[in-house]
Amino acid sequence: MTHSSIEINSPIEVIDMIPVNPLISKCKIKVFYLGANRNGSLITEDVARDIAKSLPGSPVVGAFNEATGDFEEHNRIFEVKGGELTIKDTTRPYGFVDLNAKVWF
């Protein structure tokens, strides 16, 4: 099987984007690597298989940084107004993992 990848500046890689309609596209994504990851974590094959079991039906979420034009990790904004701390989650849903998704690594 041949994949065409779209490189983006993050640990996620988008592969084989297929538009379904103007608002929805299907694609494959890479979300982590076996072994040493860029964030310093180490994912073994056993851990990857456990993660894979929980992926179908899971939401795909992220935080889009308009200043950089790129997605970031799951973010929150902390503000203090009038002596009160407020926390705003800037992570938004963008899709979900198909229930029949084939997990590969």
PDB file of N, CA and C in Angstrom:
ATOM      1  N   MET A   1       0.842  -1.174   0.000  1.00  0.00           N
ATOM      2  CA  MET A   1       0.000   0.000   0.000  1.00  0.00           C
ATOM      3  C   MET A   1       0.892   1.243   0.000  1.00  0.00           C
ATOM      4  N   THR A   2       0.616   2.204  -0.883  1.00  0.00           N
ATOM      5  CA  THR A   2       1.384   3.438  -0.972  1.00  0.00           C
ATOM      6  C   THR A   2       0.608   4.571  -0.315  1.00  0.00           C
ATOM      7  N   HIS A   3       1.298   5.386   0.477  1.00  0.00           N
ATOM      8  CA  HIS A   3       0.682   6.528   1.145  1.00  0.00           C
ATOM      9  C   HIS A   3       1.296   7.806   0.600  1.00  0.00           C
ATOM     10  N   SER A   4       0.482   8.847   0.446  1.00  0.00           N
ATOM     11  CA  SER A   4       1.033  10.174   0.142  1.00  0.00           C
ATOM     12  C   SER A   4       0.840  11.023   1.388  1.00  0.00           C
ATOM     13  N   SER A   5       1.918  11.564   1.917  1.00  0.00           N
ATOM     14  CA  SER A   5       1.888  12.317   3.165  1.00  0.00           C
ATOM     15  C   SER A   5       1.910  13.808   2.913  1.00  0.00           C
ATOM     16  N   ILE A   6       1.249  14.553   3.801  1.00  0.00           N
ATOM     17  CA  ILE A   6       1.298  16.004   3.811  1.00  0.00           C
ATOM     18  C   ILE A   6       2.065  16.393   5.061  1.00  0.00           C
ATOM     19  N   GLU A   7       3.275  16.930   4.902  1.00  0.00           N
ATOM     20  CA  GLU A   7       4.095  17.276   6.060  1.00  0.00           C
ATOM     21  C   GLU A   7       3.584  18.564   6.692  1.00  0.00           C
ATOM     22  N   ILE A   8       3.399  18.549   8.004  1.00  0.00           N
ATOM     23  CA  ILE A   8       3.035  19.745   8.751  1.00  0.00           C
ATOM     24  C   ILE A   8       3.996  19.851   9.928  1.00  0.00           C
ATOM     25  N   ASN A   9       4.129  21.032  10.483  1.00  0.00           N
ATOM     26  CA  ASN A   9       5.089  21.260  11.561  1.00  0.00           C
ATOM     27  C   ASN A   9       4.516  20.853  12.911  1.00  0.00           C
ATOM     28  N   SER A  10       4.244  19.583  13.072  1.00  0.00           N
ATOM     29  CA  SER A  10       3.765  19.057  14.343  1.00  0.00           C
ATOM     30  C   SER A  10       3.985  17.556  14.338  1.00  0.00           C
ATOM     31  N   PRO A  11       3.748  16.898  15.476  1.00  0.00           N
ATOM     32  CA  PRO A  11       3.924  15.451  15.503  1.00  0.00           C
ATOM     33  C   PRO A  11       2.866  14.692  14.711  1.00  0.00           C
ATOM     34  N   ILE A  12       1.834  15.375  14.222  1.00  0.00           N
ATOM     35  CA  ILE A  12       0.768  14.716  13.473  1.00  0.00           C
ATOM     36  C   ILE A  12       1.039  14.852  11.983  1.00  0.00           C
ATOM     37  N   GLU A  13       0.806  13.771  11.250  1.00  0.00           N
ATOM     38  CA  GLU A  13       0.993  13.780   9.809  1.00  0.00           C
ATOM     39  C   GLU A  13      -0.328  13.391   9.162  1.00  0.00           C
ATOM     40  N   VAL A  14      -0.807  14.162   8.180  1.00  0.00           N
ATOM     41  CA  VAL A  14      -2.055  13.898   7.474  1.00  0.00           C
ATOM     42  C   VAL A  14      -1.720  13.136   6.191  1.00  0.00           C
ATOM     43  N   ILE A  15      -2.430  12.016   5.951  1.00  0.00           N
ATOM     44  CA  ILE A  15      -2.146  11.150   4.813  1.00  0.00           C
ATOM     45  C   ILE A  15      -3.429  10.890   4.029  1.00  0.00           C
ATOM     46  N   ASP A  16      -3.323  10.948   2.704  1.00  0.00           N
ATOM     47  CA  ASP A  16      -4.432  10.574   1.802  1.00  0.00           C
ATOM     48  C   ASP A  16      -5.745  11.292   2.123  1.00  0.00           C
ATOM     49  N   MET A  17      -5.757  12.618   2.051  1.00  0.00           N
ATOM     50  CA  MET A  17      -6.954  13.428   2.307  1.00  0.00           C
ATOM     51  C   MET A  17      -7.961  13.206   1.173  1.00  0.00           C
ATOM     52  N   ILE A  18      -9.201  12.832   1.523  1.00  0.00           N
ATOM     53  CA  ILE A  18     -10.262  12.588   0.548  1.00  0.00           C
ATOM     54  C   ILE A  18     -11.470  13.434   0.943  1.00  0.00           C
ATOM     55  N   PRO A  19     -11.819  14.477   0.150  1.00  0.00           N
ATOM     56  CA  PRO A  19     -13.010  15.267   0.472  1.00  0.00           C
ATOM     57  C   PRO A  19     -14.287  14.431   0.319  1.00  0.00           C
ATOM     58  N   VAL A  20     -15.166  14.501   1.311  1.00  0.00           N
ATOM     59  CA  VAL A  20     -16.459  13.832   1.258  1.00  0.00           C
ATOM     60  C   VAL A  20     -17.513  14.830   0.794  1.00  0.00           C
ATOM     61  N   ASN A  21     -17.430  16.058   1.301  1.00  0.00           N
ATOM     62  CA  ASN A  21     -18.266  17.177   0.874  1.00  0.00           C
ATOM     63  C   ASN A  21     -17.496  18.446   1.248  1.00  0.00           C
ATOM     64  N   PRO A  22     -18.025  19.640   0.974  1.00  0.00           N
ATOM     65  CA  PRO A  22     -17.249  20.859   1.283  1.00  0.00           C
ATOM     66  C   PRO A  22     -16.880  21.046   2.756  1.00  0.00           C
ATOM     67  N   LEU A  23     -17.566  20.351   3.654  1.00  0.00           N
ATOM     68  CA  LEU A  23     -17.311  20.521   5.082  1.00  0.00           C
ATOM     69  C   LEU A  23     -16.603  19.347   5.742  1.00  0.00           C
ATOM     70  N   ILE A  24     -16.528  18.214   5.055  1.00  0.00           N
ATOM     71  CA  ILE A  24     -15.971  17.008   5.670  1.00  0.00           C
ATOM     72  C   ILE A  24     -14.982  16.337   4.726  1.00  0.00           C
ATOM     73  N   SER A  25     -13.865  15.913   5.292  1.00  0.00           N
ATOM     74  CA  SER A  25     -12.880  15.119   4.560  1.00  0.00           C
ATOM     75  C   SER A  25     -12.509  13.911   5.395  1.00  0.00           C
ATOM     76  N   LYS A  26     -12.136  12.835   4.712  1.00  0.00           N
ATOM     77  CA  LYS A  26     -11.610  11.651   5.381  1.00  0.00           C
ATOM     78  C   LYS A  26     -10.113  11.635   5.138  1.00  0.00           C
ATOM     79  N   CYS A  27      -9.362  11.156   6.104  1.00  0.00           N
ATOM     80  CA  CYS A  27      -7.922  11.027   5.920  1.00  0.00           C
ATOM     81  C   CYS A  27      -7.387  10.031   6.918  1.00  0.00           C
ATOM     82  N   LYS A  28      -6.128   9.717   6.764  1.00  0.00           N
ATOM     83  CA  LYS A  28      -5.397   8.922   7.740  1.00  0.00           C
ATOM     84  C   LYS A  28      -4.450   9.887   8.438  1.00  0.00           C
ATOM     85  N   ILE A  29      -4.210   9.656   9.717  1.00  0.00           N
ATOM     86  CA  ILE A  29      -3.255  10.510  10.426  1.00  0.00           C
ATOM     87  C   ILE A  29      -2.283   9.648  11.215  1.00  0.00           C
ATOM     88  N   LYS A  30      -1.076  10.160  11.340  1.00  0.00           N
ATOM     89  CA  LYS A  30      -0.087   9.564  12.239  1.00  0.00           C
ATOM     90  C   LYS A  30      -0.076  10.436  13.486  1.00  0.00           C
ATOM     91  N   VAL A  31      -0.241   9.805  14.641  1.00  0.00           N
ATOM     92  CA  VAL A  31      -0.307  10.588  15.872  1.00  0.00           C
ATOM     93  C   VAL A  31       0.857  10.359  16.820  1.00  0.00           C
ATOM     94  N   PHE A  32       1.597   9.274  16.627  1.00  0.00           N
ATOM     95  CA  PHE A  32       2.796   9.042  17.427  1.00  0.00           C
ATOM     96  C   PHE A  32       3.670   8.037  16.700  1.00  0.00           C
ATOM     97  N   TYR A  33       4.862   7.871  17.201  1.00  0.00           N
ATOM     98  CA  TYR A  33       5.818   6.939  16.619  1.00  0.00           C
ATOM     99  C   TYR A  33       6.228   5.922  17.670  1.00  0.00           C
ATOM    100  N   LEU A  34       6.462   4.694  17.248  1.00  0.00           N
ATOM    101  CA  LEU A  34       7.031   3.703  18.155  1.00  0.00           C
ATOM    102  C   LEU A  34       8.435   4.134  18.530  1.00  0.00           C
ATOM    103  N   GLY A  35       8.816   3.860  19.756  1.00  0.00           N
ATOM    104  CA  GLY A  35      10.149   4.241  20.207  1.00  0.00           C
ATOM    105  C   GLY A  35      10.145   5.665  20.715  1.00  0.00           C
ATOM    106  N   ALA A  36      11.257   6.368  20.497  1.00  0.00           N
ATOM    107  CA  ALA A  36      11.413   7.741  20.980  1.00  0.00           C
ATOM    108  C   ALA A  36      10.609   8.706  20.120  1.00  0.00           C
ATOM    109  N   ASN A  37       9.785   9.525  20.752  1.00  0.00           N
ATOM    110  CA  ASN A  37       8.996  10.543  20.081  1.00  0.00           C
ATOM    111  C   ASN A  37       9.675  11.898  20.233  1.00  0.00           C
ATOM    112  N   ARG A  38       9.226  12.866  19.415  1.00  0.00           N
ATOM    113  CA  ARG A  38       9.820  14.212  19.441  1.00  0.00           C
ATOM    114  C   ARG A  38       9.647  14.912  20.779  1.00  0.00           C
ATOM    115  N   ASN A  39       8.600  14.548  21.527  1.00  0.00           N
ATOM    116  CA  ASN A  39       8.372  15.203  22.819  1.00  0.00           C
ATOM    117  C   ASN A  39       9.134  14.526  23.952  1.00  0.00           C
ATOM    118  N   GLY A  40       9.983  13.551  23.616  1.00  0.00           N
ATOM    119  CA  GLY A  40      10.800  12.890  24.628  1.00  0.00           C
ATOM    120  C   GLY A  40      10.175  11.645  25.227  1.00  0.00           C
ATOM    121  N   SER A  41       8.922  11.326  24.850  1.00  0.00           N
ATOM    122  CA  SER A  41       8.294  10.123  25.382  1.00  0.00           C
ATOM    123  C   SER A  41       8.799   8.892  24.623  1.00  0.00           C
ATOM    124  N   LEU A  42       8.636   7.744  25.249  1.00  0.00           N
ATOM    125  CA  LEU A  42       9.042   6.479  24.651  1.00  0.00           C
ATOM    126  C   LEU A  42       7.817   5.590  24.605  1.00  0.00           C
ATOM    127  N   ILE A  43       7.385   5.188  23.417  1.00  0.00           N
ATOM    128  CA  ILE A  43       6.199   4.352  23.275  1.00  0.00           C
ATOM    129  C   ILE A  43       6.635   2.979  22.772  1.00  0.00           C
ATOM    130  N   THR A  44       6.388   1.968  23.612  1.00  0.00           N
ATOM    131  CA  THR A  44       6.723   0.598  23.241  1.00  0.00           C
ATOM    132  C   THR A  44       5.603   0.016  22.382  1.00  0.00           C
ATOM    133  N   GLU A  45       5.873  -1.107  21.737  1.00  0.00           N
ATOM    134  CA  GLU A  45       4.842  -1.744  20.910  1.00  0.00           C
ATOM    135  C   GLU A  45       3.654  -2.184  21.758  1.00  0.00           C
ATOM    136  N   ASP A  46       3.890  -2.666  22.982  1.00  0.00           N
ATOM    137  CA  ASP A  46       2.794  -3.070  23.872  1.00  0.00           C
ATOM    138  C   ASP A  46       1.906  -1.876  24.222  1.00  0.00           C
ATOM    139  N   VAL A  47       2.524  -0.735  24.544  1.00  0.00           N
ATOM    140  CA  VAL A  47       1.758   0.479  24.852  1.00  0.00           C
ATOM    141  C   VAL A  47       0.981   0.925  23.617  1.00  0.00           C
ATOM    142  N   ALA A  48       1.605   0.875  22.449  1.00  0.00           N
ATOM    143  CA  ALA A  48       0.941   1.284  21.206  1.00  0.00           C
ATOM    144  C   ALA A  48      -0.288   0.414  20.937  1.00  0.00           C
ATOM    145  N   ARG A  49      -0.186  -0.871  21.179  1.00  0.00           N
ATOM    146  CA  ARG A  49      -1.340  -1.762  20.969  1.00  0.00           C
ATOM    147  C   ARG A  49      -2.477  -1.420  21.945  1.00  0.00           C
ATOM    148  N   ASP A  50      -2.143  -1.065  23.192  1.00  0.00           N
ATOM    149  CA  ASP A  50      -3.167  -0.648  24.157  1.00  0.00           C
ATOM    150  C   ASP A  50      -3.824   0.657  23.717  1.00  0.00           C
ATOM    151  N   ILE A  51      -3.017   1.623  23.251  1.00  0.00           N
ATOM    152  CA  ILE A  51      -3.555   2.896  22.758  1.00  0.00           C
ATOM    153  C   ILE A  51      -4.490   2.643  21.578  1.00  0.00           C
ATOM    154  N   ALA A  52      -4.076   1.764  20.669  1.00  0.00           N
ATOM    155  CA  ALA A  52      -4.852   1.487  19.456  1.00  0.00           C
ATOM    156  C   ALA A  52      -6.257   0.977  19.785  1.00  0.00           C
ATOM    157  N   LYS A  53      -6.407   0.226  20.861  1.00  0.00           N
ATOM    158  CA  LYS A  53      -7.717  -0.310  21.245  1.00  0.00           C
ATOM    159  C   LYS A  53      -8.711   0.794  21.579  1.00  0.00           C
ATOM    160  N   SER A  54      -8.206   1.928  22.073  1.00  0.00           N
ATOM    161  CA  SER A  54      -9.103   3.008  22.512  1.00  0.00           C
ATOM    162  C   SER A  54      -9.359   4.053  21.427  1.00  0.00           C
ATOM    163  N   LEU A  55      -8.715   3.944  20.259  1.00  0.00           N
ATOM    164  CA  LEU A  55      -8.849   4.986  19.239  1.00  0.00           C
ATOM    165  C   LEU A  55     -10.198   5.023  18.511  1.00  0.00           C
ATOM    166  N   PRO A  56     -10.784   3.907  18.045  1.00  0.00           N
ATOM    167  CA  PRO A  56     -12.044   4.005  17.304  1.00  0.00           C
ATOM    168  C   PRO A  56     -13.119   4.754  18.085  1.00  0.00           C
ATOM    169  N   GLY A  57     -13.710   5.755  17.437  1.00  0.00           N
ATOM    170  CA  GLY A  57     -14.748   6.582  18.050  1.00  0.00           C
ATOM    171  C   GLY A  57     -14.219   7.752  18.849  1.00  0.00           C
ATOM    172  N   SER A  58     -12.908   7.832  19.017  1.00  0.00           N
ATOM    173  CA  SER A  58     -12.323   8.933  19.792  1.00  0.00           C
ATOM    174  C   SER A  58     -12.380  10.243  19.023  1.00  0.00           C
ATOM    175  N   PRO A  59     -12.560  11.368  19.720  1.00  0.00           N
ATOM    176  CA  PRO A  59     -12.554  12.662  19.031  1.00  0.00           C
ATOM    177  C   PRO A  59     -11.142  13.057  18.603  1.00  0.00           C
ATOM    178  N   VAL A  60     -11.059  13.784  17.512  1.00  0.00           N
ATOM    179  CA  VAL A  60      -9.802  14.404  17.081  1.00  0.00           C
ATOM    180  C   VAL A  60      -9.921  15.866  17.475  1.00  0.00           C
ATOM    181  N   VAL A  61      -9.065  16.315  18.391  1.00  0.00           N
ATOM    182  CA  VAL A  61      -9.154  17.672  18.922  1.00  0.00           C
ATOM    183  C   VAL A  61      -7.813  18.375  18.804  1.00  0.00           C
ATOM    184  N   GLY A  62      -7.855  19.688  18.836  1.00  0.00           N
ATOM    185  CA  GLY A  62      -6.624  20.459  18.784  1.00  0.00           C
ATOM    186  C   GLY A  62      -6.899  21.918  19.077  1.00  0.00           C
ATOM    187  N   ALA A  63      -5.844  22.676  19.143  1.00  0.00           N
ATOM    188  CA  ALA A  63      -5.931  24.121  19.343  1.00  0.00           C
ATOM    189  C   ALA A  63      -5.218  24.780  18.173  1.00  0.00           C
ATOM    190  N   PHE A  64      -5.933  25.592  17.404  1.00  0.00           N
ATOM    191  CA  PHE A  64      -5.352  26.271  16.250  1.00  0.00           C
ATOM    192  C   PHE A  64      -4.852  27.644  16.676  1.00  0.00           C
ATOM    193  N   ASN A  65      -3.577  27.907  16.431  1.00  0.00           N
ATOM    194  CA  ASN A  65      -2.964  29.188  16.776  1.00  0.00           C
ATOM    195  C   ASN A  65      -3.039  30.078  15.538  1.00  0.00           C
ATOM    196  N   GLU A  66      -3.915  31.098  15.568  1.00  0.00           N
ATOM    197  CA  GLU A  66      -4.081  31.977  14.404  1.00  0.00           C
ATOM    198  C   GLU A  66      -2.824  32.783  14.109  1.00  0.00           C
ATOM    199  N   ALA A  67      -2.040  33.113  15.136  1.00  0.00           N
ATOM    200  CA  ALA A  67      -0.820  33.905  14.930  1.00  0.00           C
ATOM    201  C   ALA A  67       0.218  33.139  14.113  1.00  0.00           C
ATOM    202  N   THR A  68       0.327  31.821  14.360  1.00  0.00           N
ATOM    203  CA  THR A  68       1.315  31.014  13.636  1.00  0.00           C
ATOM    204  C   THR A  68       0.697  30.257  12.472  1.00  0.00           C
ATOM    205  N   GLY A  69      -0.646  30.185  12.429  1.00  0.00           N
ATOM    206  CA  GLY A  69      -1.319  29.446  11.356  1.00  0.00           C
ATOM    207  C   GLY A  69      -1.101  27.950  11.459  1.00  0.00           C
ATOM    208  N   ASP A  70      -0.973  27.424  12.681  1.00  0.00           N
ATOM    209  CA  ASP A  70      -0.667  26.010  12.864  1.00  0.00           C
ATOM    210  C   ASP A  70      -1.417  25.472  14.085  1.00  0.00           C
ATOM    211  N   PHE A  71      -1.551  24.153  14.132  1.00  0.00           N
ATOM    212  CA  PHE A  71      -2.157  23.504  15.283  1.00  0.00           C
ATOM    213  C   PHE A  71      -1.116  23.309  16.367  1.00  0.00           C
ATOM    214  N   GLU A  72      -1.575  23.384  17.615  1.00  0.00           N
ATOM    215  CA  GLU A  72      -0.716  23.184  18.768  1.00  0.00           C
ATOM    216  C   GLU A  72      -1.256  22.021  19.563  1.00  0.00           C
ATOM    217  N   GLU A  73      -0.614  21.758  20.675  1.00  0.00           N
ATOM    218  CA  GLU A  73      -1.114  20.717  21.557  1.00  0.00           C
ATOM    219  C   GLU A  73      -2.373  21.210  22.257  1.00  0.00           C
ATOM    220  N   HIS A  74      -2.935  20.435  23.144  1.00  0.00           N
ATOM    221  CA  HIS A  74      -4.148  20.804  23.860  1.00  0.00           C
ATOM    222  C   HIS A  74      -3.829  21.972  24.779  1.00  0.00           C
ATOM    223  N   ASN A  75      -4.489  23.107  24.572  1.00  0.00           N
ATOM    224  CA  ASN A  75      -4.126  24.353  25.256  1.00  0.00           C
ATOM    225  C   ASN A  75      -5.232  24.882  26.153  1.00  0.00           C
ATOM    226  N   ARG A  76      -4.815  25.681  27.126  1.00  0.00           N
ATOM    227  CA  ARG A  76      -5.720  26.435  27.986  1.00  0.00           C
ATOM    228  C   ARG A  76      -5.165  27.831  28.160  1.00  0.00           C
ATOM    229  N   ILE A  77      -6.067  28.788  28.358  1.00  0.00           N
ATOM    230  CA  ILE A  77      -5.677  30.163  28.653  1.00  0.00           C
ATOM    231  C   ILE A  77      -6.061  30.443  30.101  1.00  0.00           C
ATOM    232  N   PHE A  78      -5.114  30.956  30.874  1.00  0.00           N
ATOM    233  CA  PHE A  78      -5.360  31.310  32.265  1.00  0.00           C
ATOM    234  C   PHE A  78      -5.411  32.828  32.363  1.00  0.00           C
ATOM    235  N   GLU A  79      -6.508  33.358  32.920  1.00  0.00           N
ATOM    236  CA  GLU A  79      -6.660  34.806  33.066  1.00  0.00           C
ATOM    237  C   GLU A  79      -7.033  35.140  34.500  1.00  0.00           C
ATOM    238  N   VAL A  80      -6.521  36.262  34.966  1.00  0.00           N
ATOM    239  CA  VAL A  80      -6.911  36.776  36.283  1.00  0.00           C
ATOM    240  C   VAL A  80      -7.600  38.114  36.044  1.00  0.00           C
ATOM    241  N   LYS A  81      -8.891  38.177  36.417  1.00  0.00           N
ATOM    242  CA  LYS A  81      -9.671  39.411  36.289  1.00  0.00           C
ATOM    243  C   LYS A  81     -10.372  39.672  37.610  1.00  0.00           C
ATOM    244  N   GLY A  82     -10.154  40.863  38.141  1.00  0.00           N
ATOM    245  CA  GLY A  82     -10.816  41.221  39.402  1.00  0.00           C
ATOM    246  C   GLY A  82     -10.482  40.264  40.533  1.00  0.00           C
ATOM    247  N   GLY A  83      -9.280  39.737  40.518  1.00  0.00           N
ATOM    248  CA  GLY A  83      -8.864  38.821  41.571  1.00  0.00           C
ATOM    249  C   GLY A  83      -9.356  37.388  41.390  1.00  0.00           C
ATOM    250  N   GLU A  84     -10.077  37.128  40.296  1.00  0.00           N
ATOM    251  CA  GLU A  84     -10.602  35.785  40.036  1.00  0.00           C
ATOM    252  C   GLU A  84      -9.817  35.121  38.907  1.00  0.00           C
ATOM    253  N   LEU A  85      -9.461  33.860  39.102  1.00  0.00           N
ATOM    254  CA  LEU A  85      -8.775  33.076  38.078  1.00  0.00           C
ATOM    255  C   LEU A  85      -9.818  32.378  37.214  1.00  0.00           C
ATOM    256  N   THR A  86      -9.703  32.548  35.899  1.00  0.00           N
ATOM    257  CA  THR A  86     -10.563  31.811  34.974  1.00  0.00           C
ATOM    258  C   THR A  86      -9.677  31.000  34.040  1.00  0.00           C
ATOM    259  N   ILE A  87     -10.169  29.812  33.702  1.00  0.00           N
ATOM    260  CA  ILE A  87      -9.448  28.921  32.794  1.00  0.00           C
ATOM    261  C   ILE A  87     -10.347  28.671  31.596  1.00  0.00           C
ATOM    262  N   LYS A  88      -9.820  28.977  30.410  1.00  0.00           N
ATOM    263  CA  LYS A  88     -10.578  28.778  29.172  1.00  0.00           C
ATOM    264  C   LYS A  88      -9.847  27.733  28.333  1.00  0.00           C
ATOM    265  N   ASP A  89     -10.555  26.662  27.990  1.00  0.00           N
ATOM    266  CA  ASP A  89      -9.989  25.609  27.156  1.00  0.00           C
ATOM    267  C   ASP A  89     -10.076  26.053  25.698  1.00  0.00           C
ATOM    268  N   THR A  90      -8.943  26.144  25.014  1.00  0.00           N
ATOM    269  CA  THR A  90      -8.937  26.565  23.604  1.00  0.00           C
ATOM    270  C   THR A  90      -8.906  25.378  22.646  1.00  0.00           C
ATOM    271  N   THR A  91      -8.931  24.170  23.195  1.00  0.00           N
ATOM    272  CA  THR A  91      -8.964  22.968  22.361  1.00  0.00           C
ATOM    273  C   THR A  91     -10.365  22.807  21.782  1.00  0.00           C
ATOM    274  N   ARG A  92     -10.439  22.518  20.484  1.00  0.00           N
ATOM    275  CA  ARG A  92     -11.719  22.387  19.791  1.00  0.00           C
ATOM    276  C   ARG A  92     -11.787  21.047  19.052  1.00  0.00           C
ATOM    277  N   PRO A  93     -12.996  20.497  18.892  1.00  0.00           N
ATOM    278  CA  PRO A  93     -13.132  19.254  18.128  1.00  0.00           C
ATOM    279  C   PRO A  93     -13.030  19.524  16.621  1.00  0.00           C
ATOM    280  N   TYR A  94     -12.366  18.617  15.917  1.00  0.00           N
ATOM    281  CA  TYR A  94     -12.234  18.724  14.465  1.00  0.00           C
ATOM    282  C   TYR A  94     -12.744  17.495  13.740  1.00  0.00           C
ATOM    283  N   GLY A  95     -12.996  16.434  14.457  1.00  0.00           N
ATOM    284  CA  GLY A  95     -13.480  15.208  13.833  1.00  0.00           C
ATOM    285  C   GLY A  95     -13.456  14.069  14.826  1.00  0.00           C
ATOM    286  N   PHE A  96     -13.447  12.849  14.290  1.00  0.00           N
ATOM    287  CA  PHE A  96     -13.389  11.663  15.148  1.00  0.00           C
ATOM    288  C   PHE A  96     -12.738  10.527  14.375  1.00  0.00           C
ATOM    289  N   VAL A  97     -12.276   9.559  15.123  1.00  0.00           N
ATOM    290  CA  VAL A  97     -11.681   8.374  14.524  1.00  0.00           C
ATOM    291  C   VAL A  97     -12.823   7.427  14.166  1.00  0.00           C
ATOM    292  N   ASP A  98     -12.868   7.016  12.900  1.00  0.00           N
ATOM    293  CA  ASP A  98     -13.904   6.112  12.406  1.00  0.00           C
ATOM    294  C   ASP A  98     -13.955   4.848  13.271  1.00  0.00           C
ATOM    295  N   LEU A  99     -15.164   4.359  13.508  1.00  0.00           N
ATOM    296  CA  LEU A  99     -15.324   3.143  14.310  1.00  0.00           C
ATOM    297  C   LEU A  99     -14.655   1.937  13.660  1.00  0.00           C
ATOM    298  N   ASN A 100     -14.497   1.967  12.334  1.00  0.00           N
ATOM    299  CA  ASN A 100     -13.860   0.866  11.609  1.00  0.00           C
ATOM    300  C   ASN A 100     -12.432   1.190  11.196  1.00  0.00           C
ATOM    301  N   ALA A 101     -11.827   2.182  11.830  1.00  0.00           N
ATOM    302  CA  ALA A 101     -10.474   2.596  11.458  1.00  0.00           C
ATOM    303  C   ALA A 101      -9.496   1.439  11.652  1.00  0.00           C
ATOM    304  N   LYS A 102      -8.599   1.314  10.684  1.00  0.00           N
ATOM    305  CA  LYS A 102      -7.529   0.340  10.797  1.00  0.00           C
ATOM    306  C   LYS A 102      -6.307   1.043  11.385  1.00  0.00           C
ATOM    307  N   VAL A 103      -5.899   0.591  12.546  1.00  0.00           N
ATOM    308  CA  VAL A 103      -4.748   1.176  13.228  1.00  0.00           C
ATOM    309  C   VAL A 103      -3.503   0.458  12.732  1.00  0.00           C
ATOM    310  N   TRP A 104      -2.496   1.235  12.357  1.00  0.00           N
ATOM    311  CA  TRP A 104      -1.253   0.656  11.855  1.00  0.00           C
ATOM    312  C   TRP A 104      -0.066   1.420  12.398  1.00  0.00           C
ATOM    313  N   PHE A 105       1.032   0.730  12.533  1.00  0.00           N
ATOM    314  CA  PHE A 105       2.287   1.353  12.959  1.00  0.00           C
ATOM    315  C   PHE A 105       3.427   0.457  12.552  1.00  0.00           C
TER     316      PHE A 105
END
